[in-house]
Amino acid sequence: MKQYKTVAGPKNISVNKGDIQSGLDVFANIINNEARAGWTYHSMETITITEKPGCFQQPVSTYYYMLIFERDV
């Protein structure tokens, strides 16, 4: 049987010009940290979360990257 875990990825990554790799390394670091804890990277999904604000405001939708990990139990 498998157990699954989700971890929110960063929404915005800022890098210096020509340093794209450091932005990609943010995701690699998350994956490596979870691997040290016994989790295997499974996939990444984009999800939309809509928050319902107060009475007179419009709902606000935000897009997130969700990294999915798995391990045997």
PDB file of N, CA and C in Angstrom:
ATOM      1  N   MET A   1       0.842  -1.176   0.000  1.00  0.00           N
ATOM      2  CA  MET A   1       0.000   0.000   0.000  1.00  0.00           C
ATOM      3  C   MET A   1       0.892   1.245   0.000  1.00  0.00           C
ATOM      4  N   LYS A   2       0.442   2.275  -0.689  1.00  0.00           N
ATOM      5  CA  LYS A   2       1.190   3.528  -0.789  1.00  0.00           C
ATOM      6  C   LYS A   2       0.568   4.592   0.120  1.00  0.00           C
ATOM      7  N   GLN A   3       1.427   5.461   0.604  1.00  0.00           N
ATOM      8  CA  GLN A   3       1.004   6.645   1.338  1.00  0.00           C
ATOM      9  C   GLN A   3       1.451   7.845   0.515  1.00  0.00           C
ATOM     10  N   TYR A   4       0.619   8.875   0.447  1.00  0.00           N
ATOM     11  CA  TYR A   4       0.944  10.050  -0.352  1.00  0.00           C
ATOM     12  C   TYR A   4       1.017  11.289   0.524  1.00  0.00           C
ATOM     13  N   LYS A   5       1.836  12.225   0.090  1.00  0.00           N
ATOM     14  CA  LYS A   5       2.035  13.477   0.809  1.00  0.00           C
ATOM     15  C   LYS A   5       2.120  14.589  -0.221  1.00  0.00           C
ATOM     16  N   THR A   6       1.530  15.742   0.076  1.00  0.00           N
ATOM     17  CA  THR A   6       1.648  16.892  -0.810  1.00  0.00           C
ATOM     18  C   THR A   6       2.434  18.004  -0.112  1.00  0.00           C
ATOM     19  N   VAL A   7       3.229  18.695  -0.895  1.00  0.00           N
ATOM     20  CA  VAL A   7       4.017  19.816  -0.409  1.00  0.00           C
ATOM     21  C   VAL A   7       3.805  20.972  -1.382  1.00  0.00           C
ATOM     22  N   ALA A   8       3.493  22.134  -0.839  1.00  0.00           N
ATOM     23  CA  ALA A   8       3.295  23.305  -1.698  1.00  0.00           C
ATOM     24  C   ALA A   8       4.639  23.772  -2.242  1.00  0.00           C
ATOM     25  N   GLY A   9       4.699  23.948  -3.542  1.00  0.00           N
ATOM     26  CA  GLY A   9       5.893  24.506  -4.159  1.00  0.00           C
ATOM     27  C   GLY A   9       5.829  26.024  -4.099  1.00  0.00           C
ATOM     28  N   PRO A  10       6.930  26.689  -4.372  1.00  0.00           N
ATOM     29  CA  PRO A  10       6.936  28.151  -4.332  1.00  0.00           C
ATOM     30  C   PRO A  10       6.049  28.739  -5.429  1.00  0.00           C
ATOM     31  N   LYS A  11       5.376  29.835  -5.123  1.00  0.00           N
ATOM     32  CA  LYS A  11       4.525  30.493  -6.112  1.00  0.00           C
ATOM     33  C   LYS A  11       5.340  31.360  -7.057  1.00  0.00           C
ATOM     34  N   ASN A  12       6.282  32.086  -6.512  1.00  0.00           N
ATOM     35  CA  ASN A  12       7.096  33.000  -7.319  1.00  0.00           C
ATOM     36  C   ASN A  12       8.563  32.806  -6.967  1.00  0.00           C
ATOM     37  N   ILE A  13       9.378  32.692  -7.986  1.00  0.00           N
ATOM     38  CA  ILE A  13      10.819  32.549  -7.786  1.00  0.00           C
ATOM     39  C   ILE A  13      11.497  33.666  -8.569  1.00  0.00           C
ATOM     40  N   SER A  14      12.314  34.453  -7.882  1.00  0.00           N
ATOM     41  CA  SER A  14      13.054  35.526  -8.543  1.00  0.00           C
ATOM     42  C   SER A  14      14.524  35.127  -8.633  1.00  0.00           C
ATOM     43  N   VAL A  15      15.093  35.282  -9.812  1.00  0.00           N
ATOM     44  CA  VAL A  15      16.512  34.966 -10.015  1.00  0.00           C
ATOM     45  C   VAL A  15      17.163  36.115 -10.775  1.00  0.00           C
ATOM     46  N   ASN A  16      18.469  36.158 -10.705  1.00  0.00           N
ATOM     47  CA  ASN A  16      19.212  37.138 -11.488  1.00  0.00           C
ATOM     48  C   ASN A  16      19.239  36.717 -12.949  1.00  0.00           C
ATOM     49  N   LYS A  17      19.408  37.659 -13.817  1.00  0.00           N
ATOM     50  CA  LYS A  17      19.447  37.374 -15.246  1.00  0.00           C
ATOM     51  C   LYS A  17      20.504  36.316 -15.543  1.00  0.00           C
ATOM     52  N   GLY A  18      20.111  35.303 -16.310  1.00  0.00           N
ATOM     53  CA  GLY A  18      21.028  34.239 -16.688  1.00  0.00           C
ATOM     54  C   GLY A  18      21.218  33.166 -15.638  1.00  0.00           C
ATOM     55  N   ASP A  19      20.482  33.247 -14.532  1.00  0.00           N
ATOM     56  CA  ASP A  19      20.655  32.277 -13.440  1.00  0.00           C
ATOM     57  C   ASP A  19      19.402  31.423 -13.269  1.00  0.00           C
ATOM     58  N   ILE A  20      18.894  30.915 -14.363  1.00  0.00           N
ATOM     59  CA  ILE A  20      17.672  30.106 -14.343  1.00  0.00           C
ATOM     60  C   ILE A  20      17.841  28.869 -13.467  1.00  0.00           C
ATOM     61  N   GLN A  21      19.022  28.284 -13.474  1.00  0.00           N
ATOM     62  CA  GLN A  21      19.258  27.058 -12.720  1.00  0.00           C
ATOM     63  C   GLN A  21      18.954  27.233 -11.232  1.00  0.00           C
ATOM     64  N   SER A  22      19.243  28.395 -10.666  1.00  0.00           N
ATOM     65  CA  SER A  22      18.973  28.585  -9.244  1.00  0.00           C
ATOM     66  C   SER A  22      17.472  28.537  -8.958  1.00  0.00           C
ATOM     67  N   GLY A  23      16.659  28.953  -9.917  1.00  0.00           N
ATOM     68  CA  GLY A  23      15.214  28.832  -9.764  1.00  0.00           C
ATOM     69  C   GLY A  23      14.761  27.389  -9.802  1.00  0.00           C
ATOM     70  N   LEU A  24      15.354  26.614 -10.695  1.00  0.00           N
ATOM     71  CA  LEU A  24      15.027  25.188 -10.784  1.00  0.00           C
ATOM     72  C   LEU A  24      15.510  24.441  -9.544  1.00  0.00           C
ATOM     73  N   ASP A  25      16.622  24.905  -8.984  1.00  0.00           N
ATOM     74  CA  ASP A  25      17.174  24.258  -7.793  1.00  0.00           C
ATOM     75  C   ASP A  25      16.241  24.365  -6.591  1.00  0.00           C
ATOM     76  N   VAL A  26      15.374  25.369  -6.574  1.00  0.00           N
ATOM     77  CA  VAL A  26      14.407  25.485  -5.472  1.00  0.00           C
ATOM     78  C   VAL A  26      13.545  24.228  -5.420  1.00  0.00           C
ATOM     79  N   PHE A  27      13.070  23.784  -6.575  1.00  0.00           N
ATOM     80  CA  PHE A  27      12.258  22.566  -6.622  1.00  0.00           C
ATOM     81  C   PHE A  27      13.103  21.328  -6.310  1.00  0.00           C
ATOM     82  N   ALA A  28      14.321  21.295  -6.819  1.00  0.00           N
ATOM     83  CA  ALA A  28      15.199  20.156  -6.542  1.00  0.00           C
ATOM     84  C   ALA A  28      15.478  20.039  -5.050  1.00  0.00           C
ATOM     85  N   ASN A  29      15.641  21.158  -4.370  1.00  0.00           N
ATOM     86  CA  ASN A  29      15.891  21.126  -2.935  1.00  0.00           C
ATOM     87  C   ASN A  29      14.698  20.574  -2.164  1.00  0.00           C
ATOM     88  N   ILE A  30      13.497  20.946  -2.572  1.00  0.00           N
ATOM     89  CA  ILE A  30      12.298  20.400  -1.925  1.00  0.00           C
ATOM     90  C   ILE A  30      12.251  18.889  -2.123  1.00  0.00           C
ATOM     91  N   ILE A  31      12.483  18.440  -3.352  1.00  0.00           N
ATOM     92  CA  ILE A  31      12.442  17.007  -3.654  1.00  0.00           C
ATOM     93  C   ILE A  31      13.519  16.263  -2.873  1.00  0.00           C
ATOM     94  N   ASN A  32      14.733  16.805  -2.825  1.00  0.00           N
ATOM     95  CA  ASN A  32      15.814  16.141  -2.084  1.00  0.00           C
ATOM     96  C   ASN A  32      15.551  16.099  -0.590  1.00  0.00           C
ATOM     97  N   ASN A  33      14.982  17.154  -0.025  1.00  0.00           N
ATOM     98  CA  ASN A  33      14.647  17.151   1.405  1.00  0.00           C
ATOM     99  C   ASN A  33      13.626  16.062   1.734  1.00  0.00           C
ATOM    100  N   GLU A  34      12.619  15.922   0.891  1.00  0.00           N
ATOM    101  CA  GLU A  34      11.605  14.879   1.126  1.00  0.00           C
ATOM    102  C   GLU A  34      12.207  13.489   0.924  1.00  0.00           C
ATOM    103  N   ALA A  35      13.115  13.343  -0.031  1.00  0.00           N
ATOM    104  CA  ALA A  35      13.767  12.046  -0.280  1.00  0.00           C
ATOM    105  C   ALA A  35      14.569  11.606   0.942  1.00  0.00           C
ATOM    106  N   ARG A  36      15.225  12.554   1.613  1.00  0.00           N
ATOM    107  CA  ARG A  36      15.975  12.217   2.829  1.00  0.00           C
ATOM    108  C   ARG A  36      15.048  11.697   3.929  1.00  0.00           C
ATOM    109  N   ALA A  37      13.787  12.090   3.881  1.00  0.00           N
ATOM    110  CA  ALA A  37      12.809  11.628   4.872  1.00  0.00           C
ATOM    111  C   ALA A  37      12.086  10.358   4.417  1.00  0.00           C
ATOM    112  N   GLY A  38      12.535   9.774   3.299  1.00  0.00           N
ATOM    113  CA  GLY A  38      11.962   8.506   2.850  1.00  0.00           C
ATOM    114  C   GLY A  38      10.861   8.624   1.810  1.00  0.00           C
ATOM    115  N   TRP A  39      10.617   9.821   1.297  1.00  0.00           N
ATOM    116  CA  TRP A  39       9.576  10.016   0.297  1.00  0.00           C
ATOM    117  C   TRP A  39      10.165  10.001  -1.105  1.00  0.00           C
ATOM    118  N   THR A  40       9.390   9.483  -2.070  1.00  0.00           N
ATOM    119  CA  THR A  40       9.776   9.463  -3.476  1.00  0.00           C
ATOM    120  C   THR A  40       8.893  10.439  -4.230  1.00  0.00           C
ATOM    121  N   TYR A  41       9.533  11.269  -5.054  1.00  0.00           N
ATOM    122  CA  TYR A  41       8.768  12.226  -5.855  1.00  0.00           C
ATOM    123  C   TYR A  41       7.864  11.473  -6.818  1.00  0.00           C
ATOM    124  N   HIS A  42       6.616  11.884  -6.896  1.00  0.00           N
ATOM    125  CA  HIS A  42       5.643  11.253  -7.779  1.00  0.00           C
ATOM    126  C   HIS A  42       5.274  12.159  -8.949  1.00  0.00           C
ATOM    127  N   SER A  43       4.857  13.398  -8.665  1.00  0.00           N
ATOM    128  CA  SER A  43       4.450  14.306  -9.734  1.00  0.00           C
ATOM    129  C   SER A  43       4.232  15.710  -9.174  1.00  0.00           C
ATOM    130  N   MET A  44       3.960  16.642 -10.092  1.00  0.00           N
ATOM    131  CA  MET A  44       3.620  17.999  -9.688  1.00  0.00           C
ATOM    132  C   MET A  44       2.344  18.399 -10.402  1.00  0.00           C
ATOM    133  N   GLU A  45       1.428  18.977  -9.667  1.00  0.00           N
ATOM    134  CA  GLU A  45       0.157  19.425 -10.218  1.00  0.00           C
ATOM    135  C   GLU A  45      -0.022  20.909  -9.915  1.00  0.00           C
ATOM    136  N   THR A  46      -0.736  21.591 -10.770  1.00  0.00           N
ATOM    137  CA  THR A  46      -1.122  22.965 -10.505  1.00  0.00           C
ATOM    138  C   THR A  46      -2.553  22.944  -9.992  1.00  0.00           C
ATOM    139  N   ILE A  47      -2.770  23.575  -8.860  1.00  0.00           N
ATOM    140  CA  ILE A  47      -4.122  23.628  -8.318  1.00  0.00           C
ATOM    141  C   ILE A  47      -4.522  25.087  -8.128  1.00  0.00           C
ATOM    142  N   THR A  48      -5.810  25.330  -8.156  1.00  0.00           N
ATOM    143  CA  THR A  48      -6.358  26.664  -7.928  1.00  0.00           C
ATOM    144  C   THR A  48      -7.125  26.631  -6.618  1.00  0.00           C
ATOM    145  N   ILE A  49      -6.799  27.565  -5.742  1.00  0.00           N
ATOM    146  CA  ILE A  49      -7.527  27.691  -4.486  1.00  0.00           C
ATOM    147  C   ILE A  49      -8.219  29.045  -4.510  1.00  0.00           C
ATOM    148  N   THR A  50      -9.537  29.036  -4.317  1.00  0.00           N
ATOM    149  CA  THR A  50     -10.314  30.264  -4.314  1.00  0.00           C
ATOM    150  C   THR A  50     -10.755  30.559  -2.892  1.00  0.00           C
ATOM    151  N   GLU A  51     -10.359  31.734  -2.416  1.00  0.00           N
ATOM    152  CA  GLU A  51     -10.727  32.152  -1.065  1.00  0.00           C
ATOM    153  C   GLU A  51     -11.947  33.061  -1.137  1.00  0.00           C
ATOM    154  N   LYS A  52     -12.899  32.800  -0.253  1.00  0.00           N
ATOM    155  CA  LYS A  52     -14.085  33.640  -0.175  1.00  0.00           C
ATOM    156  C   LYS A  52     -13.799  34.765   0.820  1.00  0.00           C
ATOM    157  N   PRO A  53     -13.745  36.000   0.319  1.00  0.00           N
ATOM    158  CA  PRO A  53     -13.443  37.122   1.204  1.00  0.00           C
ATOM    159  C   PRO A  53     -14.687  37.596   1.957  1.00  0.00           C
ATOM    160  N   GLY A  54     -14.626  38.806   2.469  1.00  0.00           N
ATOM    161  CA  GLY A  54     -15.754  39.391   3.198  1.00  0.00           C
ATOM    162  C   GLY A  54     -16.966  39.624   2.306  1.00  0.00           C
ATOM    163  N   CYS A  55     -17.953  40.231   2.871  1.00  0.00           N
ATOM    164  CA  CYS A  55     -19.269  40.402   2.227  1.00  0.00           C
ATOM    165  C   CYS A  55     -19.236  41.120   0.883  1.00  0.00           C
ATOM    166  N   PHE A  56     -18.448  42.168   0.766  1.00  0.00           N
ATOM    167  CA  PHE A  56     -18.522  43.017  -0.421  1.00  0.00           C
ATOM    168  C   PHE A  56     -17.319  42.866  -1.347  1.00  0.00           C
ATOM    169  N   GLN A  57     -16.576  41.816  -1.215  1.00  0.00           N
ATOM    170  CA  GLN A  57     -15.397  41.609  -2.048  1.00  0.00           C
ATOM    171  C   GLN A  57     -15.594  40.399  -2.942  1.00  0.00           C
ATOM    172  N   GLN A  58     -14.861  40.379  -4.052  1.00  0.00           N
ATOM    173  CA  GLN A  58     -14.918  39.261  -4.980  1.00  0.00           C
ATOM    174  C   GLN A  58     -14.009  38.132  -4.489  1.00  0.00           C
ATOM    175  N   PRO A  59     -14.368  36.884  -4.795  1.00  0.00           N
ATOM    176  CA  PRO A  59     -13.468  35.769  -4.455  1.00  0.00           C
ATOM    177  C   PRO A  59     -12.112  35.940  -5.144  1.00  0.00           C
ATOM    178  N   VAL A  60     -11.066  35.493  -4.478  1.00  0.00           N
ATOM    179  CA  VAL A  60      -9.713  35.618  -5.003  1.00  0.00           C
ATOM    180  C   VAL A  60      -9.168  34.223  -5.290  1.00  0.00           C
ATOM    181  N   SER A  61      -8.787  33.985  -6.548  1.00  0.00           N
ATOM    182  CA  SER A  61      -8.217  32.691  -6.930  1.00  0.00           C
ATOM    183  C   SER A  61      -6.704  32.809  -7.021  1.00  0.00           C
ATOM    184  N   THR A  62      -6.004  31.830  -6.442  1.00  0.00           N
ATOM    185  CA  THR A  62      -4.548  31.789  -6.483  1.00  0.00           C
ATOM    186  C   THR A  62      -4.127  30.418  -6.978  1.00  0.00           C
ATOM    187  N   TYR A  63      -3.135  30.393  -7.863  1.00  0.00           N
ATOM    188  CA  TYR A  63      -2.620  29.146  -8.409  1.00  0.00           C
ATOM    189  C   TYR A  63      -1.400  28.706  -7.608  1.00  0.00           C
ATOM    190  N   TYR A  64      -1.347  27.422  -7.296  1.00  0.00           N
ATOM    191  CA  TYR A  64      -0.236  26.855  -6.535  1.00  0.00           C
ATOM    192  C   TYR A  64       0.312  25.632  -7.257  1.00  0.00           C
ATOM    193  N   TYR A  65       1.594  25.383  -7.034  1.00  0.00           N
ATOM    194  CA  TYR A  65       2.205  24.137  -7.490  1.00  0.00           C
ATOM    195  C   TYR A  65       2.208  23.176  -6.314  1.00  0.00           C
ATOM    196  N   MET A  66       1.688  21.990  -6.517  1.00  0.00           N
ATOM    197  CA  MET A  66       1.609  20.986  -5.479  1.00  0.00           C
ATOM    198  C   MET A  66       2.503  19.815  -5.883  1.00  0.00           C
ATOM    199  N   LEU A  67       3.555  19.587  -5.114  1.00  0.00           N
ATOM    200  CA  LEU A  67       4.446  18.465  -5.370  1.00  0.00           C
ATOM    201  C   LEU A  67       3.901  17.251  -4.606  1.00  0.00           C
ATOM    202  N   ILE A  68       3.800  16.133  -5.289  1.00  0.00           N
ATOM    203  CA  ILE A  68       3.229  14.926  -4.697  1.00  0.00           C
ATOM    204  C   ILE A  68       4.333  13.910  -4.508  1.00  0.00           C
ATOM    205  N   PHE A  69       4.389  13.345  -3.301  1.00  0.00           N
ATOM    206  CA  PHE A  69       5.383  12.338  -2.937  1.00  0.00           C
ATOM    207  C   PHE A  69       4.663  11.089  -2.485  1.00  0.00           C
ATOM    208  N   GLU A  70       5.357   9.942  -2.588  1.00  0.00           N
ATOM    209  CA  GLU A  70       4.771   8.675  -2.160  1.00  0.00           C
ATOM    210  C   GLU A  70       5.824   7.839  -1.450  1.00  0.00           C
ATOM    211  N   ARG A  71       5.324   6.903  -0.653  1.00  0.00           N
ATOM    212  CA  ARG A  71       6.199   5.897  -0.035  1.00  0.00           C
ATOM    213  C   ARG A  71       5.351   4.689   0.326  1.00  0.00           C
ATOM    214  N   ASP A  72       6.016   3.568   0.446  1.00  0.00           N
ATOM    215  CA  ASP A  72       5.331   2.338   0.851  1.00  0.00           C
ATOM    216  C   ASP A  72       5.101   2.352   2.352  1.00  0.00           C
ATOM    217  N   VAL A  73       3.941   1.832   2.746  1.00  0.00           N
ATOM    218  CA  VAL A  73       3.648   1.696   4.182  1.00  0.00           C
ATOM    219  C   VAL A  73       3.487   0.246   4.556  1.00  0.00           C
TER     220      VAL A  73
END
